[in-house]
Protein backbone atom coordinates (compact mmCIF):
# COMPACT_ATOMS: atom_id res chain seq x y z
CA MET A 1 59.22 7.20 -41.82
CA VAL A 2 57.09 8.73 -44.54
CA VAL A 3 57.67 8.59 -48.30
CA TYR A 4 55.58 10.18 -51.03
CA VAL A 5 54.48 7.98 -53.92
CA CYS A 6 53.48 9.19 -57.39
CA GLU A 7 50.05 7.76 -58.13
CA LEU A 8 50.77 7.79 -61.86
CA CYS A 9 54.09 5.93 -62.10
CA GLY A 10 55.03 4.73 -58.61
CA TYR A 11 58.11 6.95 -58.16
CA GLU A 12 58.88 7.31 -54.45
CA TYR A 13 60.16 10.59 -53.03
CA ASP A 14 62.08 9.99 -49.81
CA PRO A 15 62.77 13.20 -47.87
CA ARG A 16 65.96 11.64 -46.48
CA THR A 17 67.55 11.43 -49.94
CA GLY A 18 65.70 14.29 -51.67
CA ASP A 19 65.97 14.59 -55.46
CA PRO A 20 69.49 15.92 -56.03
CA ASP A 21 69.30 15.45 -59.81
CA ASN A 22 66.52 18.05 -59.82
CA GLY A 23 67.88 20.45 -57.20
CA ILE A 24 66.15 19.05 -54.10
CA ALA A 25 68.67 18.53 -51.28
CA GLU A 26 68.73 15.66 -48.82
CA ASN A 27 66.42 16.03 -45.81
CA THR A 28 63.97 18.26 -47.70
CA ASP A 29 60.39 17.72 -46.52
CA PHE A 30 57.87 17.16 -49.30
CA GLU A 31 55.99 20.27 -48.18
CA ASP A 32 59.16 22.33 -48.70
CA ILE A 33 59.67 21.28 -52.33
CA PRO A 34 58.81 24.13 -54.73
CA ALA A 35 55.26 24.01 -56.10
CA ASP A 36 56.55 23.69 -59.68
CA TRP A 37 58.58 20.51 -58.94
CA VAL A 38 57.38 17.51 -60.95
CA CYS A 39 57.94 13.77 -60.75
CA PRO A 40 61.31 13.04 -62.32
CA LEU A 41 59.95 9.92 -64.05
CA CYS A 42 56.59 10.97 -65.50
CA GLY A 43 56.22 14.74 -64.95
CA ALA A 44 53.27 14.47 -62.54
CA THR A 45 52.69 17.40 -60.19
CA LYS A 46 53.00 17.32 -56.40
CA ASP A 47 49.20 16.91 -56.25
CA ASP A 48 49.62 13.45 -57.79
CA PHE A 49 51.65 12.17 -54.82
CA VAL A 50 50.27 10.37 -51.79
CA GLU A 51 51.88 10.01 -48.39
CA GLU A 52 52.80 6.47 -47.38
CA GLU A 53 54.09 5.31 -44.00
CA ARG A 54 57.01 2.87 -44.07
CA GLU A 55 58.88 0.87 -41.49
CA GLU A 56 62.21 2.54 -40.70
CA ASP A 57 64.22 -0.42 -41.99
CA GLU A 58 62.14 -0.95 -45.14
CA GLU A 59 64.11 -0.12 -48.27
CA VAL A 60 62.79 2.57 -50.61
CA ILE A 61 63.19 1.79 -54.29
């Protein structure tokens, strides 16, 4: 599975859970998030996120 990690604060966007507090539904691919979405913790843009591969059973914080 792939998660997207904010390089500035470490927030992890998991497409399986989305970001419902900011209008991003579950199972929303990172590429499908609107361009103006920002990190809910620090306000970084999508360009500040890096893709990271995880084991399927590894917990995302």
